Structures are given as C-alpha cells and as structure tokens.
C-alpha atoms as a PDB file:
ATOM      1  CA  MET A   1       5.598  11.882  14.646  1.00  0.00           C
ATOM      2  CA  ARG A   2       2.920  14.377  13.736  1.00  0.00           C
ATOM      3  CA  GLU A   3       0.091  14.667  11.251  1.00  0.00           C
ATOM      4  CA  SER A   4       0.767  16.685   8.098  1.00  0.00           C
ATOM      5  CA  LYS A   5       0.134  20.386   8.816  1.00  0.00           C
ATOM      6  CA  ARG A   6       3.048  22.782   8.434  1.00  0.00           C
ATOM      7  CA  PRO A   7       4.431  22.864   4.875  1.00  0.00           C
ATOM      8  CA  VAL A   8       8.025  21.843   4.239  1.00  0.00           C
ATOM      9  CA  GLU A   9       9.674  23.034   1.040  1.00  0.00           C
ATOM     10  CA  LEU A  10      11.967  20.061   0.569  1.00  0.00           C
ATOM     11  CA  TRP A  11      11.763  16.855   2.581  1.00  0.00           C
ATOM     12  CA  ASP A  12      14.812  14.693   3.093  1.00  0.00           C
ATOM     13  CA  ALA A  13      12.681  11.679   2.166  1.00  0.00           C
ATOM     14  CA  ILE A  14       9.117  10.977   1.164  1.00  0.00           C
ATOM     15  CA  VAL A  15       8.156   7.422   2.084  1.00  0.00           C
ATOM     16  CA  VAL A  16       5.315   5.931   0.048  1.00  0.00           C
ATOM     17  CA  GLY A  17       3.663   3.130   2.016  1.00  0.00           C
ATOM     18  CA  GLY A  18       2.750   2.709   5.679  1.00  0.00           C
ATOM     19  CA  GLY A  19       3.402  -0.993   6.203  1.00  0.00           C
ATOM     20  CA  PRO A  20       6.343  -2.543   8.074  1.00  0.00           C
ATOM     21  CA  ALA A  21       8.876  -1.446   5.429  1.00  0.00           C
ATOM     22  CA  GLY A  22       7.735   2.164   5.236  1.00  0.00           C
ATOM     23  CA  LEU A  23       7.223   2.557   8.977  1.00  0.00           C
ATOM     24  CA  ASN A  24      10.628   1.123   9.823  1.00  0.00           C
ATOM     25  CA  ALA A  25      12.291   3.334   7.220  1.00  0.00           C
ATOM     26  CA  ALA A  26      10.565   6.364   8.739  1.00  0.00           C
ATOM     27  CA  LEU A  27      11.601   5.287  12.242  1.00  0.00           C
ATOM     28  CA  VAL A  28      15.299   4.988  11.393  1.00  0.00           C
ATOM     29  CA  LEU A  29      15.319   8.225   9.394  1.00  0.00           C
ATOM     30  CA  GLY A  30      13.506   9.990  12.225  1.00  0.00           C
ATOM     31  CA  ARG A  31      16.210   8.824  14.602  1.00  0.00           C
ATOM     32  CA  CYS A  32      18.708  10.423  12.215  1.00  0.00           C
ATOM     33  CA  ARG A  33      16.778  13.712  12.565  1.00  0.00           C
ATOM     34  CA  ARG A  34      15.770  13.629   8.920  1.00  0.00           C
ATOM     35  CA  LYS A  35      12.650  15.439   7.695  1.00  0.00           C
ATOM     36  CA  VAL A  36      10.400  12.583   6.587  1.00  0.00           C
ATOM     37  CA  LEU A  37       6.930  12.636   5.061  1.00  0.00           C
ATOM     38  CA  LEU A  38       5.247   9.217   5.194  1.00  0.00           C
ATOM     39  CA  PHE A  39       2.198   8.541   3.026  1.00  0.00           C
ATOM     40  CA  ASP A  40      -0.100   5.792   4.307  1.00  0.00           C
ATOM     41  CA  ASP A  41      -3.425   5.302   2.536  1.00  0.00           C
ATOM     42  CA  GLY A  42      -4.513   2.662   5.068  1.00  0.00           C
ATOM     43  CA  LYS A  43      -4.781  -0.259   2.640  1.00  0.00           C
ATOM     44  CA  PRO A  44      -2.189  -2.871   3.667  1.00  0.00           C
ATOM     45  CA  ARG A  45      -1.959  -6.178   1.830  1.00  0.00           C
ATOM     46  CA  ASN A  46      -2.875  -8.130   4.971  1.00  0.00           C
ATOM     47  CA  LEU A  47      -5.872  -5.949   5.841  1.00  0.00           C
ATOM     48  CA  VAL A  48      -8.161  -9.006   6.071  1.00  0.00           C
ATOM     49  CA  SER A  49      -5.719 -11.184   8.020  1.00  0.00           C
ATOM     50  CA  HIS A  50      -6.582 -11.989  11.620  1.00  0.00           C
ATOM     51  CA  ALA A  51      -3.032 -12.715  12.733  1.00  0.00           C
ATOM     52  CA  LEU A  52       0.518 -12.128  11.571  1.00  0.00           C
ATOM     53  CA  HIS A  53       3.054 -14.919  11.992  1.00  0.00           C
ATOM     54  CA  GLY A  54       6.792 -15.468  11.717  1.00  0.00           C
ATOM     55  CA  PHE A  55       7.605 -12.085  13.283  1.00  0.00           C
ATOM     56  CA  LEU A  56       9.865 -12.682  16.276  1.00  0.00           C
ATOM     57  CA  SER A  57       8.330 -11.288  19.506  1.00  0.00           C
ATOM     58  CA  ARG A  58       5.059 -10.521  17.664  1.00  0.00           C
ATOM     59  CA  ASP A  59       3.963 -13.969  16.448  1.00  0.00           C
ATOM     60  CA  GLY A  60       0.169 -14.081  16.305  1.00  0.00           C
ATOM     61  CA  ILE A  61      -0.386 -10.338  16.622  1.00  0.00           C
ATOM     62  CA  ALA A  62      -3.204  -8.796  14.592  1.00  0.00           C
ATOM     63  CA  PRO A  63      -1.704  -6.867  11.648  1.00  0.00           C
ATOM     64  CA  ALA A  64      -3.668  -3.750  12.573  1.00  0.00           C
ATOM     65  CA  GLN A  65      -2.281  -3.945  16.108  1.00  0.00           C
ATOM     66  CA  LEU A  66       1.294  -4.233  14.817  1.00  0.00           C
ATOM     67  CA  LEU A  67       0.858  -1.154  12.632  1.00  0.00           C
ATOM     68  CA  ALA A  68      -0.769   0.791  15.472  1.00  0.00           C
ATOM     69  CA  LEU A  69       2.144  -0.090  17.755  1.00  0.00           C
ATOM     70  CA  ALA A  70       4.635   0.983  15.083  1.00  0.00           C
ATOM     71  CA  ARG A  71       2.887   4.332  14.575  1.00  0.00           C
ATOM     72  CA  GLU A  72       2.819   4.847  18.341  1.00  0.00           C
ATOM     73  CA  GLN A  73       6.574   4.312  18.487  1.00  0.00           C
ATOM     74  CA  LEU A  74       7.084   6.962  15.790  1.00  0.00           C
ATOM     75  CA  ALA A  75       5.474   9.580  18.039  1.00  0.00           C
ATOM     76  CA  PRO A  76       8.686  10.873  19.706  1.00  0.00           C
ATOM     77  CA  TYR A  77      10.233  11.784  16.347  1.00  0.00           C
ATOM     78  CA  GLU A  78       8.844  15.202  15.489  1.00  0.00           C
ATOM     79  CA  SER A  79      10.633  15.371  12.149  1.00  0.00           C
ATOM     80  CA  VAL A  80       8.458  12.491  10.888  1.00  0.00           C
ATOM     81  CA  VAL A  81       5.071  13.511   9.501  1.00  0.00           C
ATOM     82  CA  VAL A  82       2.293  11.134   8.454  1.00  0.00           C
ATOM     83  CA  ASP A  83      -0.196  11.930   5.703  1.00  0.00           C
ATOM     84  CA  HIS A  84      -3.085   9.605   4.825  1.00  0.00           C
ATOM     85  CA  ALA A  85      -3.484  10.512   1.148  1.00  0.00           C
ATOM     86  CA  ARG A  86      -2.594   8.160  -1.689  1.00  0.00           C
ATOM     87  CA  VAL A  87       0.333   9.146  -3.900  1.00  0.00           C
ATOM     88  CA  ILE A  88      -0.778   8.867  -7.520  1.00  0.00           C
ATOM     89  CA  ASP A  89       2.172  10.334  -9.415  1.00  0.00           C
ATOM     90  CA  ALA A  90       5.888  10.980  -9.033  1.00  0.00           C
ATOM     91  CA  ALA A  91       8.555  12.602 -11.172  1.00  0.00           C
ATOM     92  CA  ARG A  92      12.267  13.287 -11.015  1.00  0.00           C
ATOM     93  CA  THR A  93      13.358  16.893 -10.431  1.00  0.00           C
ATOM     94  CA  ASP A  94      16.602  18.842 -10.099  1.00  0.00           C
ATOM     95  CA  THR A  95      16.447  18.453  -6.309  1.00  0.00           C
ATOM     96  CA  GLY A  96      15.272  14.837  -6.261  1.00  0.00           C
ATOM     97  CA  PHE A  97      11.605  13.977  -6.693  1.00  0.00           C
ATOM     98  CA  SER A  98       8.142  15.483  -6.642  1.00  0.00           C
ATOM     99  CA  VAL A  99       4.997  13.536  -5.791  1.00  0.00           C
ATOM    100  CA  ARG A 100       1.326  14.311  -6.289  1.00  0.00           C
ATOM    101  CA  THR A 101      -1.478  12.984  -4.103  1.00  0.00           C
ATOM    102  CA  CYS A 102      -5.018  11.932  -4.938  1.00  0.00           C
ATOM    103  CA  ASP A 103      -6.347  15.216  -3.527  1.00  0.00           C
ATOM    104  CA  GLY A 104      -4.162  17.344  -5.815  1.00  0.00           C
ATOM    105  CA  ARG A 105      -1.344  18.347  -3.453  1.00  0.00           C
ATOM    106  CA  SER A 106       2.327  18.245  -4.436  1.00  0.00           C
ATOM    107  CA  PHE A 107       5.441  17.631  -2.321  1.00  0.00           C
ATOM    108  CA  SER A 108       9.169  17.483  -3.008  1.00  0.00           C
ATOM    109  CA  ALA A 109      11.945  15.361  -1.504  1.00  0.00           C
ATOM    110  CA  ARG A 110      15.602  14.601  -2.007  1.00  0.00           C
ATOM    111  CA  LYS A 111      15.072  10.835  -1.787  1.00  0.00           C
ATOM    112  CA  LEU A 112      12.076   8.646  -2.535  1.00  0.00           C
ATOM    113  CA  PRO A 113      11.740   5.231  -0.840  1.00  0.00           C
ATOM    114  CA  LEU A 114       8.812   3.225  -2.217  1.00  0.00           C
ATOM    115  CA  ALA A 115       7.281   0.702   0.176  1.00  0.00           C
ATOM    116  CA  ALA A 116       3.724   0.436  -1.107  1.00  0.00           C
ATOM    117  CA  GLY A 117       3.700  -3.356  -1.413  1.00  0.00           C
ATOM    118  CA  VAL A 118       1.721  -5.599  -3.716  1.00  0.00           C
ATOM    119  CA  VAL A 119      -1.862  -6.688  -4.347  1.00  0.00           C
ATOM    120  CA  ASP A 120      -2.863 -10.346  -4.570  1.00  0.00           C
ATOM    121  CA  ALA A 121      -4.875 -11.565  -7.563  1.00  0.00           C
ATOM    122  CA  LEU A 122      -7.780 -13.176  -5.724  1.00  0.00           C
ATOM    123  CA  PRO A 123      -9.913 -15.673  -7.693  1.00  0.00           C
ATOM    124  CA  GLU A 124     -13.157 -14.025  -8.783  1.00  0.00           C
ATOM    125  CA  GLN A 125     -15.702 -16.732  -7.962  1.00  0.00           C
ATOM    126  CA  PRO A 126     -18.235 -16.041  -5.177  1.00  0.00           C
ATOM    127  CA  GLY A 127     -16.986 -17.109  -1.770  1.00  0.00           C
ATOM    128  CA  PHE A 128     -13.284 -16.412  -2.229  1.00  0.00           C
ATOM    129  CA  ARG A 129     -13.465 -12.806  -1.077  1.00  0.00           C
ATOM    130  CA  GLU A 130     -15.833 -13.648   1.777  1.00  0.00           C
ATOM    131  CA  LEU A 131     -13.397 -16.253   3.102  1.00  0.00           C
ATOM    132  CA  TYR A 132     -10.199 -14.332   2.351  1.00  0.00           C
ATOM    133  CA  GLY A 133      -8.125 -14.257   5.520  1.00  0.00           C
ATOM    134  CA  VAL A 134     -10.498 -16.727   7.194  1.00  0.00           C
ATOM    135  CA  GLY A 135     -10.266 -19.915   5.143  1.00  0.00           C
ATOM    136  CA  VAL A 136      -8.709 -18.601   1.921  1.00  0.00           C
ATOM    137  CA  PHE A 137      -4.989 -17.840   2.193  1.00  0.00           C
ATOM    138  CA  HIS A 138      -2.044 -17.040  -0.090  1.00  0.00           C
ATOM    139  CA  CYS A 139       0.924 -17.745   2.206  1.00  0.00           C
ATOM    140  CA  PRO A 140       1.707 -21.166   3.722  1.00  0.00           C
ATOM    141  CA  TYR A 141       4.387 -19.650   5.949  1.00  0.00           C
ATOM    142  CA  CYS A 142       1.808 -17.256   7.390  1.00  0.00           C
ATOM    143  CA  ASP A 143      -1.131 -19.624   7.858  1.00  0.00           C
ATOM    144  CA  GLY A 144       0.006 -23.200   7.159  1.00  0.00           C
ATOM    145  CA  TRP A 145       0.631 -24.053  10.816  1.00  0.00           C
ATOM    146  CA  GLU A 146      -2.890 -23.018  11.829  1.00  0.00           C
ATOM    147  CA  MET A 147      -4.349 -25.295   9.133  1.00  0.00           C
ATOM    148  CA  ARG A 148      -2.094 -28.296   9.832  1.00  0.00           C
ATOM    149  CA  ASP A 149      -3.601 -31.762   9.412  1.00  0.00           C
ATOM    150  CA  GLN A 150      -6.789 -30.302   7.898  1.00  0.00           C
ATOM    151  CA  PRO A 151      -8.290 -31.105   4.475  1.00  0.00           C
ATOM    152  CA  LEU A 152      -6.886 -28.448   2.148  1.00  0.00           C
ATOM    153  CA  ALA A 153      -7.411 -27.326  -1.431  1.00  0.00           C
ATOM    154  CA  ILE A 154      -4.855 -25.569  -3.610  1.00  0.00           C
ATOM    155  CA  TYR A 155      -6.054 -23.138  -6.275  1.00  0.00           C
ATOM    156  CA  GLY A 156      -3.622 -22.765  -9.159  1.00  0.00           C
ATOM    157  CA  ARG A 157      -4.312 -22.639 -12.858  1.00  0.00           C
ATOM    158  CA  GLY A 158      -2.540 -22.835 -16.169  1.00  0.00           C
ATOM    159  CA  ASP A 159       0.978 -23.934 -15.187  1.00  0.00           C
ATOM    160  CA  ASP A 160       3.085 -25.787 -12.614  1.00  0.00           C
ATOM    161  CA  LYS A 161       2.841 -23.110  -9.910  1.00  0.00           C
ATOM    162  CA  GLY A 162      -0.248 -24.662  -8.381  1.00  0.00           C
ATOM    163  CA  GLY A 163       1.444 -28.043  -8.412  1.00  0.00           C
ATOM    164  CA  GLY A 164       4.470 -26.579  -6.673  1.00  0.00           C
ATOM    165  CA  LEU A 165       2.314 -25.052  -3.946  1.00  0.00           C
ATOM    166  CA  ALA A 166       0.404 -28.321  -3.530  1.00  0.00           C
ATOM    167  CA  LEU A 167       3.654 -30.228  -3.003  1.00  0.00           C
ATOM    168  CA  GLU A 168       4.887 -27.585  -0.564  1.00  0.00           C
ATOM    169  CA  MET A 169       1.696 -27.857   1.470  1.00  0.00           C
ATOM    170  CA  THR A 170       2.386 -31.544   2.206  1.00  0.00           C
ATOM    171  CA  LEU A 171       4.529 -30.180   5.047  1.00  0.00           C
ATOM    172  CA  TRP A 172       1.302 -29.209   6.798  1.00  0.00           C
ATOM    173  CA  SER A 173      -1.295 -31.716   5.576  1.00  0.00           C
ATOM    174  CA  ARG A 174      -1.515 -35.030   3.741  1.00  0.00           C
ATOM    175  CA  ASP A 175      -5.099 -34.381   2.590  1.00  0.00           C
ATOM    176  CA  ILE A 176      -4.610 -32.067  -0.372  1.00  0.00           C
ATOM    177  CA  VAL A 177      -6.507 -31.575  -3.623  1.00  0.00           C
ATOM    178  CA  LEU A 178      -5.236 -29.312  -6.403  1.00  0.00           C
ATOM    179  CA  CYS A 179      -8.070 -27.405  -8.098  1.00  0.00           C
ATOM    180  CA  SER A 180      -7.016 -25.836 -11.387  1.00  0.00           C
ATOM    181  CA  ASP A 181     -10.357 -24.243 -12.351  1.00  0.00           C
ATOM    182  CA  GLY A 182     -10.023 -25.548 -15.908  1.00  0.00           C
ATOM    183  CA  PRO A 183      -7.164 -27.298 -17.732  1.00  0.00           C
ATOM    184  CA  SER A 184      -4.284 -27.474 -15.279  1.00  0.00           C
ATOM    185  CA  GLY A 185      -1.428 -27.117 -17.744  1.00  0.00           C
ATOM    186  CA  LEU A 186       0.645 -29.378 -15.500  1.00  0.00           C
ATOM    187  CA  SER A 187       3.771 -30.907 -16.954  1.00  0.00           C
ATOM    188  CA  ALA A 188       4.144 -34.682 -16.984  1.00  0.00           C
ATOM    189  CA  ASP A 189       6.784 -34.394 -14.263  1.00  0.00           C
ATOM    190  CA  TYR A 190       4.476 -32.502 -11.945  1.00  0.00           C
ATOM    191  CA  ARG A 191       1.610 -34.908 -12.574  1.00  0.00           C
ATOM    192  CA  ARG A 192       3.904 -37.774 -11.635  1.00  0.00           C
ATOM    193  CA  ARG A 193       5.067 -36.047  -8.467  1.00  0.00           C
ATOM    194  CA  LEU A 194       1.559 -35.096  -7.398  1.00  0.00           C
ATOM    195  CA  ASP A 195       0.361 -38.643  -7.961  1.00  0.00           C
ATOM    196  CA  TRP A 196       3.294 -40.019  -5.966  1.00  0.00           C
ATOM    197  CA  HIS A 197       2.303 -37.846  -2.995  1.00  0.00           C
ATOM    198  CA  GLY A 198      -1.375 -38.739  -3.238  1.00  0.00           C
ATOM    199  CA  ILE A 199      -2.530 -35.302  -4.400  1.00  0.00           C
ATOM    200  CA  ALA A 200      -5.617 -35.466  -6.585  1.00  0.00           C
ATOM    201  CA  VAL A 201      -6.188 -32.913  -9.348  1.00  0.00           C
ATOM    202  CA  ARG A 202      -9.648 -31.480 -10.095  1.00  0.00           C
ATOM    203  CA  GLU A 203      -9.714 -29.669 -13.448  1.00  0.00           C
ATOM    204  CA  GLU A 204     -13.416 -28.818 -13.615  1.00  0.00           C
ATOM    205  CA  PRO A 205     -14.174 -25.078 -13.612  1.00  0.00           C
ATOM    206  CA  ILE A 206     -15.107 -23.769 -10.163  1.00  0.00           C
ATOM    207  CA  VAL A 207     -18.500 -22.086  -9.827  1.00  0.00           C
ATOM    208  CA  ARG A 208     -18.353 -20.877  -6.223  1.00  0.00           C
ATOM    209  CA  LEU A 209     -17.399 -21.610  -2.641  1.00  0.00           C
ATOM    210  CA  GLU A 210     -20.374 -22.379  -0.412  1.00  0.00           C
ATOM    211  CA  VAL A 211     -19.558 -21.171   3.071  1.00  0.00           C
ATOM    212  CA  GLY A 212     -20.492 -23.277   6.072  1.00  0.00           C
ATOM    213  CA  SER A 213     -18.474 -21.567   8.794  1.00  0.00           C
ATOM    214  CA  ASN A 214     -16.383 -18.414   8.494  1.00  0.00           C
ATOM    215  CA  VAL A 215     -14.610 -18.572  11.850  1.00  0.00           C
ATOM    216  CA  PRO A 216     -10.916 -17.695  11.340  1.00  0.00           C
ATOM    217  CA  TYR A 217      -8.809 -20.859  10.970  1.00  0.00           C
ATOM    218  CA  LYS A 218     -11.923 -22.952  11.635  1.00  0.00           C
ATOM    219  CA  ALA A 219     -13.772 -22.311   8.412  1.00  0.00           C
ATOM    220  CA  SER A 220     -15.667 -24.940   6.494  1.00  0.00           C
ATOM    221  CA  PHE A 221     -16.912 -24.710   2.944  1.00  0.00           C
ATOM    222  CA  GLU A 222     -17.675 -26.697  -0.175  1.00  0.00           C
ATOM    223  CA  ILE A 223     -16.089 -26.058  -3.539  1.00  0.00           C
ATOM    224  CA  VAL A 224     -18.843 -26.257  -6.138  1.00  0.00           C
ATOM    225  CA  PHE A 225     -17.634 -27.274  -9.590  1.00  0.00           C
ATOM    226  CA  GLN A 226     -19.330 -26.903 -12.957  1.00  0.00           C
ATOM    227  CA  SER A 227     -19.557 -30.693 -13.001  1.00  0.00           C
ATOM    228  CA  GLY A 228     -18.634 -33.525 -10.685  1.00  0.00           C
ATOM    229  CA  PRO A 229     -19.007 -33.898  -6.921  1.00  0.00           C
ATOM    230  CA  ARG A 230     -18.544 -31.068  -4.482  1.00  0.00           C
ATOM    231  CA  LEU A 231     -15.391 -30.915  -2.391  1.00  0.00           C
ATOM    232  CA  SER A 232     -15.483 -30.120   1.338  1.00  0.00           C
ATOM    233  CA  ARG A 233     -12.385 -28.336   2.641  1.00  0.00           C
ATOM    234  CA  ALA A 234     -11.211 -26.446   5.724  1.00  0.00           C
ATOM    235  CA  ALA A 235      -9.005 -24.019   3.775  1.00  0.00           C
ATOM    236  CA  ILE A 236      -7.844 -23.186   0.295  1.00  0.00           C
ATOM    237  CA  PHE A 237      -4.417 -21.737  -0.524  1.00  0.00           C
ATOM    238  CA  PHE A 238      -4.154 -19.931  -3.843  1.00  0.00           C
ATOM    239  CA  ASN A 239      -1.300 -19.117  -6.180  1.00  0.00           C
ATOM    240  CA  THR A 240      -2.661 -16.780  -8.816  1.00  0.00           C
ATOM    241  CA  GLY A 241       0.021 -14.124  -8.757  1.00  0.00           C
ATOM    242  CA  ARG A 242       0.210 -10.551  -7.561  1.00  0.00           C
ATOM    243  CA  SER A 243       0.933  -7.090  -8.901  1.00  0.00           C
ATOM    244  CA  GLN A 244       2.446  -3.846  -7.677  1.00  0.00           C
ATOM    245  CA  SER A 245      -0.017  -1.747  -5.693  1.00  0.00           C
ATOM    246  CA  THR A 246       1.305   1.297  -7.562  1.00  0.00           C
ATOM    247  CA  ASP A 247       3.123   1.792 -10.863  1.00  0.00           C
ATOM    248  CA  LEU A 248       5.290   4.632  -9.531  1.00  0.00           C
ATOM    249  CA  ALA A 249       8.526   2.621  -9.730  1.00  0.00           C
ATOM    250  CA  ALA A 250       7.968   1.649 -13.352  1.00  0.00           C
ATOM    251  CA  ARG A 251       6.944   5.196 -14.261  1.00  0.00           C
ATOM    252  CA  LEU A 252      10.149   6.549 -12.747  1.00  0.00           C
ATOM    253  CA  GLY A 253      12.185   4.154 -14.900  1.00  0.00           C
ATOM    254  CA  CYS A 254      12.943   1.440 -12.363  1.00  0.00           C
ATOM    255  CA  ASP A 255      13.899  -1.946 -13.806  1.00  0.00           C
ATOM    256  CA  MET A 256      11.225  -4.547 -13.056  1.00  0.00           C
ATOM    257  CA  TYR A 257      12.389  -8.154 -12.825  1.00  0.00           C
ATOM    258  CA  ASP A 258       8.787  -9.144 -13.530  1.00  0.00           C
ATOM    259  CA  PRO A 259       5.395  -7.524 -12.882  1.00  0.00           C
ATOM    260  CA  LYS A 260       5.716  -8.466  -9.209  1.00  0.00           C
ATOM    261  CA  GLY A 261       8.791  -6.549  -8.136  1.00  0.00           C
ATOM    262  CA  CYS A 262      11.508  -3.957  -8.684  1.00  0.00           C
ATOM    263  CA  THR A 263      15.189  -4.609  -9.158  1.00  0.00           C
ATOM    264  CA  VAL A 264      17.472  -3.150  -6.493  1.00  0.00           C
ATOM    265  CA  ASP A 265      21.215  -2.800  -6.950  1.00  0.00           C
ATOM    266  CA  ASN A 266      22.578  -3.487  -3.468  1.00  0.00           C
ATOM    267  CA  ASP A 267      21.731  -4.268   0.136  1.00  0.00           C
ATOM    268  CA  GLN A 268      20.678  -0.672   0.760  1.00  0.00           C
ATOM    269  CA  ARG A 269      17.591  -1.100  -1.443  1.00  0.00           C
ATOM    270  CA  VAL A 270      18.622   1.556  -3.980  1.00  0.00           C
ATOM    271  CA  THR A 271      17.567   1.163  -7.611  1.00  0.00           C
ATOM    272  CA  HIS A 272      19.495   2.238 -10.690  1.00  0.00           C
ATOM    273  CA  VAL A 273      17.379   5.426 -10.637  1.00  0.00           C
ATOM    274  CA  PRO A 274      19.408   7.856  -8.476  1.00  0.00           C
ATOM    275  CA  GLY A 275      17.647   8.559  -5.185  1.00  0.00           C
ATOM    276  CA  LEU A 276      14.918   5.954  -5.696  1.00  0.00           C
ATOM    277  CA  TYR A 277      14.758   3.150  -3.132  1.00  0.00           C
ATOM    278  CA  VAL A 278      12.399   0.177  -2.926  1.00  0.00           C
ATOM    279  CA  ALA A 279      11.726  -1.888   0.191  1.00  0.00           C
ATOM    280  CA  GLY A 280       9.289  -4.565   1.287  1.00  0.00           C
ATOM    281  CA  ASP A 281       6.972  -6.719  -0.809  1.00  0.00           C
ATOM    282  CA  ALA A 282       7.402  -4.407  -3.806  1.00  0.00           C
ATOM    283  CA  SER A 283      11.015  -5.477  -4.236  1.00  0.00           C
ATOM    284  CA  ARG A 284      11.377  -9.240  -3.869  1.00  0.00           C
ATOM    285  CA  ASP A 285       9.771 -12.665  -3.487  1.00  0.00           C
ATOM    286  CA  VAL A 286      10.216 -13.224   0.280  1.00  0.00           C
ATOM    287  CA  LEU A 287       6.903 -11.668   1.237  1.00  0.00           C
ATOM    288  CA  GLN A 288       7.129 -11.585   5.016  1.00  0.00           C
ATOM    289  CA  ALA A 289       6.434  -8.656   7.328  1.00  0.00           C
ATOM    290  CA  ILE A 290       9.672  -9.116   9.236  1.00  0.00           C
ATOM    291  CA  VAL A 291      11.679  -9.125   5.982  1.00  0.00           C
ATOM    292  CA  ALA A 292       9.858  -5.993   4.826  1.00  0.00           C
ATOM    293  CA  ALA A 293      10.668  -4.266   8.113  1.00  0.00           C
ATOM    294  CA  ALA A 294      14.341  -5.202   7.767  1.00  0.00           C
ATOM    295  CA  GLU A 295      14.436  -3.865   4.208  1.00  0.00           C
ATOM    296  CA  GLY A 296      12.957  -0.606   5.483  1.00  0.00           C
ATOM    297  CA  VAL A 297      15.953  -0.302   7.818  1.00  0.00           C
ATOM    298  CA  GLU A 298      18.348  -1.056   4.947  1.00  0.00           C
ATOM    299  CA  ALA A 299      16.732   1.612   2.782  1.00  0.00           C
ATOM    300  CA  ALA A 300      16.804   4.189   5.581  1.00  0.00           C
ATOM    301  CA  ILE A 301      20.495   3.613   6.278  1.00  0.00           C
ATOM    302  CA  GLY A 302      21.260   3.858   2.565  1.00  0.00           C
ATOM    303  CA  ILE A 303      19.286   7.091   2.295  1.00  0.00           C
ATOM    304  CA  ASN A 304      20.941   8.645   5.332  1.00  0.00           C
ATOM    305  CA  LYS A 305      24.416   7.746   4.058  1.00  0.00           C
ATOM    306  CA  ALA A 306      23.617   9.245   0.654  1.00  0.00           C
ATOM    307  CA  LEU A 307      22.322  12.447   2.272  1.00  0.00           C
ATOM    308  CA  LEU A 308      25.401  12.660   4.483  1.00  0.00           C
ATOM    309  CA  HIS A 309      27.644  12.260   1.452  1.00  0.00           C
ATOM    310  CA  GLU A 310      25.830  15.097  -0.313  1.00  0.00           C
ATOM    311  CA  ASP A 311      25.730  17.390   2.728  1.00  0.00           C
ATOM    312  CA  LEU A 312      29.344  16.887   3.801  1.00  0.00           C
ATOM    313  CA  ALA A 313      30.982  16.891   0.383  1.00  0.00           C
END
C-alpha cells in the first residue's frame, strides 16, 4: 500500500470508504494484483466508540486500532493506493466510472465499489452527543453486554421501533424505561407487550441529559423532561434511524430499498448498475463490522471475476 502520488490513467477499482468493508475489498483486490485506489476521509461511523465487539479474534479492540492494523496489513500490496480526500461526485463513463474529490481532482476506474457506510441520526438534545459512545449507544449487539443488569433508557419516537428495541433490550436488563420524547405512537399491541414486561413509557418531551459521569460503560446521567420527575440511567440506547453517508449510489441510479441502504443483486455485492458494487453498512441492515468486512471480500471477488471475464474474453 502506498499514499497517492503517481497518477494512474485507469484504475481497476476505486474503493470509496476506508472502514472494514472498503479495507477488506482493497486487501483482496491487492492480492489479485489489481490497481486499486482507496478513498478514506477518516470519518468512520464508530469514530466515538471505545471498543468494537462481536468480531472474532478482535473482540474489545478499539475501532481506531482495528483500522490501523488493517491499513498496516495493506502495506505489502504496492498496487493499492490510499488517498484521504472525500469523494463528492461520481459518474458513469465509457470505461467504467469517474469520481471527483472535495479538492477538485478526478480519477477513473473500471469498477466502483462503494463502502462509505451510514450516519446515525443522533437526538439533538444537549448531552446526547457528549455521551455518544460512552453512555449513549445505537447497537445492543455492540454494547448491550457491557451494560447488562444496569438501569437503561430507550429513546424511540413516533412509532413501534422504540418499543421493539425496548423489548429486545430485556435480554440485557430488566430495568428499562422507554422515552419517546413526545407522543409515542405505540400501537395497542406494543403497549400491551411493554406493560407485560414491566417497561414503563415516558412520553414527556426531553429537555437534556445531565451528565454525572462520562466514563465509558460506567456513565451516569439524568434525563431531564419538560415535566415530571427526572430519570437516572446508566445508558440510553436510541433508535432514530440512519442515512447514507454519501448519495453517490442513488446518483448513479442504484435502487434503494429505503433511505438506509442500497439493493444488491447477488452475493457478490453488485448492483443493477453495471460495475457498481456496494458493501458494508451502506447495503443492508446487519450493521456489524465483521459482516461489513465479509461483504468487502464478496465485492472484491465479484470485481476480480468481472475484470477477468472482460480481460480474457
């Protein structure tokens, strides 16, 4: 792996995104001796997380450490180049794709794997951002174990999604309060189920989180409502949705199954747009680093097979 210096007229693949999906795609393509340009703007979804979980052999590793290790292991592959600019535009061309970066440069490639991930919609009240990754979490599979048997709050508003997350969290704690920050919109069925499992619902608007301790996994804070008593919790898990970190896939004509992800046609992560691949959080609902890494491998194998077919025809 090398930093971007010498110009290449036409890359075999330009990888957009430097998380587990993009890095693993670059690794496999590098091992196939493909010319790969990887764009990594240094803004991963789990930037604020203190530990990554559920990744076999790396459980508990700091996300930044995992990415540093991955980049280190790309070093032997000289055909892989890393550039730290953000890709802001992409278009189809006769030879594949062209991309444009935030600093005005343009590059061309035969194949374009997108692995830029998603962005979580964090609640806007004061305290949420300060505690994000410390006592405010979005993924029970990532952080539920660390918060087991602690008093938890669930933030979810306007529909049954918050209720679903609250019920799911009973695997880790029996002291759960659903905070809907206004009318909950819960169906009668969900209200019945929440009541059966002893989960209270607070529908008062939330004003702020007052932080007591911001030690990772040992945080303490009070949820301050517009009215009614305060609520002391050790963590709050939120379900307020997410969005694509870039609109490149949609702009290139990729089918979106909802605002959260792109539709892929097979297990090689290819979309219905010829030469466009999507891997990682940008493509599906199982938002786990190890799944993203595996999808990066799938995309790379699909790309290499497609290139072989073109070159050997």
